């Protein structure tokens, strides 16, 4: 039986981070797409619904906070990991509509 992995959508306005994640996750045989902000992510979701979204919270335009709220309402089956440097700890920060949280190192 073939190992089926969910498609991933990475949403981050920092191009080097998005490209690094794309490279690492693609190397692990995942189908990965990248979007630079929440608006572009919604356009990607309309093309094909991913199984998992990994989204930065602080982005210009539509932030990750806004994106994840929309995803929760319109696409509740999509699993979501939020990431950001404004929060720390291993739990999901209050008010963040995500299944998990990854704290990024502040630059």
C-alpha atoms as a PDB file:
ATOM      1  CA  UNK A   1       0.000   0.000   0.000  1.00  0.00           C
ATOM      2  CA  UNK A   2       1.284   3.476  -0.893  1.00  0.00           C
ATOM      3  CA  UNK A   3       2.041   5.918   1.938  1.00  0.00           C
ATOM      4  CA  UNK A   4      -0.352   8.822   1.342  1.00  0.00           C
ATOM      5  CA  UNK A   5       0.663  12.091   2.975  1.00  0.00           C
ATOM      6  CA  UNK A   6      -1.574  15.145   3.139  1.00  0.00           C
ATOM      7  CA  UNK A   7      -0.777  18.080   0.952  1.00  0.00           C
ATOM      8  CA  UNK A   8       0.793  20.949   2.876  1.00  0.00           C
ATOM      9  CA  UNK A   9       0.301  24.689   2.407  1.00  0.00           C
ATOM     10  CA  UNK A  10       2.993  26.930   3.895  1.00  0.00           C
ATOM     11  CA  UNK A  11       1.949  30.559   4.426  1.00  0.00           C
ATOM     12  CA  UNK A  12       4.780  32.947   5.265  1.00  0.00           C
ATOM     13  CA  UNK A  13       5.732  36.403   4.011  1.00  0.00           C
ATOM     14  CA  UNK A  14       9.428  35.696   4.679  1.00  0.00           C
ATOM     15  CA  UNK A  15      10.538  34.107   1.401  1.00  0.00           C
ATOM     16  CA  UNK A  16      13.680  32.415   2.831  1.00  0.00           C
ATOM     17  CA  UNK A  17      11.615  30.666   5.511  1.00  0.00           C
ATOM     18  CA  UNK A  18       8.942  29.557   3.045  1.00  0.00           C
ATOM     19  CA  UNK A  19      11.546  28.236   0.613  1.00  0.00           C
ATOM     20  CA  UNK A  20      13.476  26.428   3.385  1.00  0.00           C
ATOM     21  CA  UNK A  21      10.323  24.710   4.611  1.00  0.00           C
ATOM     22  CA  UNK A  22       9.349  23.892   1.024  1.00  0.00           C
ATOM     23  CA  UNK A  23      12.729  22.248   0.418  1.00  0.00           C
ATOM     24  CA  UNK A  24      12.729  20.248   3.656  1.00  0.00           C
ATOM     25  CA  UNK A  25       9.155  19.031   3.388  1.00  0.00           C
ATOM     26  CA  UNK A  26       9.416  18.216  -0.320  1.00  0.00           C
ATOM     27  CA  UNK A  27      12.541  16.164   0.425  1.00  0.00           C
ATOM     28  CA  UNK A  28      10.377  14.100   2.785  1.00  0.00           C
ATOM     29  CA  UNK A  29       8.076  13.304  -0.178  1.00  0.00           C
ATOM     30  CA  UNK A  30       5.306  15.709   0.760  1.00  0.00           C
ATOM     31  CA  UNK A  31       3.263  17.672  -1.763  1.00  0.00           C
ATOM     32  CA  UNK A  32       3.890  21.283  -0.712  1.00  0.00           C
ATOM     33  CA  UNK A  33       2.678  24.680  -1.908  1.00  0.00           C
ATOM     34  CA  UNK A  34       3.747  28.107  -0.616  1.00  0.00           C
ATOM     35  CA  UNK A  35       1.742  31.331  -0.287  1.00  0.00           C
ATOM     36  CA  UNK A  36       3.146  34.736   0.792  1.00  0.00           C
ATOM     37  CA  UNK A  37       0.075  35.902   2.737  1.00  0.00           C
ATOM     38  CA  UNK A  38      -3.452  35.048   3.791  1.00  0.00           C
ATOM     39  CA  UNK A  39      -5.096  36.261   0.589  1.00  0.00           C
ATOM     40  CA  UNK A  40      -2.797  34.123  -1.575  1.00  0.00           C
ATOM     41  CA  UNK A  41      -3.374  31.180   0.778  1.00  0.00           C
ATOM     42  CA  UNK A  42      -7.147  31.407   0.308  1.00  0.00           C
ATOM     43  CA  UNK A  43      -6.624  31.409  -3.461  1.00  0.00           C
ATOM     44  CA  UNK A  44      -4.475  28.262  -3.124  1.00  0.00           C
ATOM     45  CA  UNK A  45      -7.110  26.599  -0.923  1.00  0.00           C
ATOM     46  CA  UNK A  46      -9.750  27.292  -3.595  1.00  0.00           C
ATOM     47  CA  UNK A  47      -7.563  25.457  -6.153  1.00  0.00           C
ATOM     48  CA  UNK A  48      -7.125  22.418  -3.916  1.00  0.00           C
ATOM     49  CA  UNK A  49      -7.862  21.942  -0.229  1.00  0.00           C
ATOM     50  CA  UNK A  50      -4.691  20.953   1.654  1.00  0.00           C
ATOM     51  CA  UNK A  51      -4.625  18.515   4.548  1.00  0.00           C
ATOM     52  CA  UNK A  52      -2.404  20.804   6.630  1.00  0.00           C
ATOM     53  CA  UNK A  53      -1.619  24.521   6.742  1.00  0.00           C
ATOM     54  CA  UNK A  54       1.539  25.850   8.393  1.00  0.00           C
ATOM     55  CA  UNK A  55       1.020  29.599   8.773  1.00  0.00           C
ATOM     56  CA  UNK A  56       2.979  32.539  10.133  1.00  0.00           C
ATOM     57  CA  UNK A  57       0.745  34.707  12.313  1.00  0.00           C
ATOM     58  CA  UNK A  58       2.209  38.148  11.629  1.00  0.00           C
ATOM     59  CA  UNK A  59       2.046  39.006   7.927  1.00  0.00           C
ATOM     60  CA  UNK A  60       1.022  42.115   5.981  1.00  0.00           C
ATOM     61  CA  UNK A  61      -2.291  42.117   4.145  1.00  0.00           C
ATOM     62  CA  UNK A  62      -4.320  39.276   5.622  1.00  0.00           C
ATOM     63  CA  UNK A  63      -2.515  38.090   8.738  1.00  0.00           C
ATOM     64  CA  UNK A  64      -2.268  34.512   9.879  1.00  0.00           C
ATOM     65  CA  UNK A  65      -4.732  35.309  12.679  1.00  0.00           C
ATOM     66  CA  UNK A  66      -7.330  36.351  10.093  1.00  0.00           C
ATOM     67  CA  UNK A  67      -6.511  33.481   7.735  1.00  0.00           C
ATOM     68  CA  UNK A  68      -6.832  30.842  10.426  1.00  0.00           C
ATOM     69  CA  UNK A  69     -10.181  32.261  11.565  1.00  0.00           C
ATOM     70  CA  UNK A  70     -11.496  31.990   7.994  1.00  0.00           C
ATOM     71  CA  UNK A  71     -10.077  28.472   7.598  1.00  0.00           C
ATOM     72  CA  UNK A  72     -11.720  27.327  10.839  1.00  0.00           C
ATOM     73  CA  UNK A  73     -15.115  28.626   9.684  1.00  0.00           C
ATOM     74  CA  UNK A  74     -15.042  27.568   6.020  1.00  0.00           C
ATOM     75  CA  UNK A  75     -12.702  24.539   6.038  1.00  0.00           C
ATOM     76  CA  UNK A  76     -12.890  22.940   9.516  1.00  0.00           C
ATOM     77  CA  UNK A  77     -11.345  19.664   8.305  1.00  0.00           C
ATOM     78  CA  UNK A  78      -7.981  21.330   7.519  1.00  0.00           C
ATOM     79  CA  UNK A  79      -5.416  20.820  10.280  1.00  0.00           C
ATOM     80  CA  UNK A  80      -3.515  24.015  11.155  1.00  0.00           C
ATOM     81  CA  UNK A  81      -0.131  24.759  12.723  1.00  0.00           C
ATOM     82  CA  UNK A  82       0.464  28.419  13.563  1.00  0.00           C
ATOM     83  CA  UNK A  83       3.981  29.802  13.904  1.00  0.00           C
ATOM     84  CA  UNK A  84       5.426  33.085  15.061  1.00  0.00           C
ATOM     85  CA  UNK A  85       8.072  34.785  17.138  1.00  0.00           C
ATOM     86  CA  UNK A  86       5.694  36.918  19.228  1.00  0.00           C
ATOM     87  CA  UNK A  87       4.698  33.932  21.396  1.00  0.00           C
ATOM     88  CA  UNK A  88       6.686  31.267  23.197  1.00  0.00           C
ATOM     89  CA  UNK A  89       5.927  27.975  24.860  1.00  0.00           C
ATOM     90  CA  UNK A  90       4.614  24.711  23.522  1.00  0.00           C
ATOM     91  CA  UNK A  91       0.872  25.364  23.765  1.00  0.00           C
ATOM     92  CA  UNK A  92      -1.345  27.199  21.299  1.00  0.00           C
ATOM     93  CA  UNK A  93      -1.572  30.870  22.389  1.00  0.00           C
ATOM     94  CA  UNK A  94      -4.984  32.129  23.473  1.00  0.00           C
ATOM     95  CA  UNK A  95      -7.002  33.499  20.566  1.00  0.00           C
ATOM     96  CA  UNK A  96      -5.096  31.556  17.896  1.00  0.00           C
ATOM     97  CA  UNK A  97      -7.354  29.229  15.877  1.00  0.00           C
ATOM     98  CA  UNK A  98      -4.819  26.431  15.421  1.00  0.00           C
ATOM     99  CA  UNK A  99      -4.297  22.781  16.312  1.00  0.00           C
ATOM    100  CA  UNK A 100      -0.657  23.362  17.257  1.00  0.00           C
ATOM    101  CA  UNK A 101       1.873  26.170  17.572  1.00  0.00           C
ATOM    102  CA  UNK A 102       5.537  26.405  16.596  1.00  0.00           C
ATOM    103  CA  UNK A 103       7.508  29.274  18.176  1.00  0.00           C
ATOM    104  CA  UNK A 104       9.926  30.831  15.684  1.00  0.00           C
ATOM    105  CA  UNK A 105      13.118  32.451  16.857  1.00  0.00           C
ATOM    106  CA  UNK A 106      12.957  36.247  16.719  1.00  0.00           C
ATOM    107  CA  UNK A 107      15.465  37.814  14.322  1.00  0.00           C
END
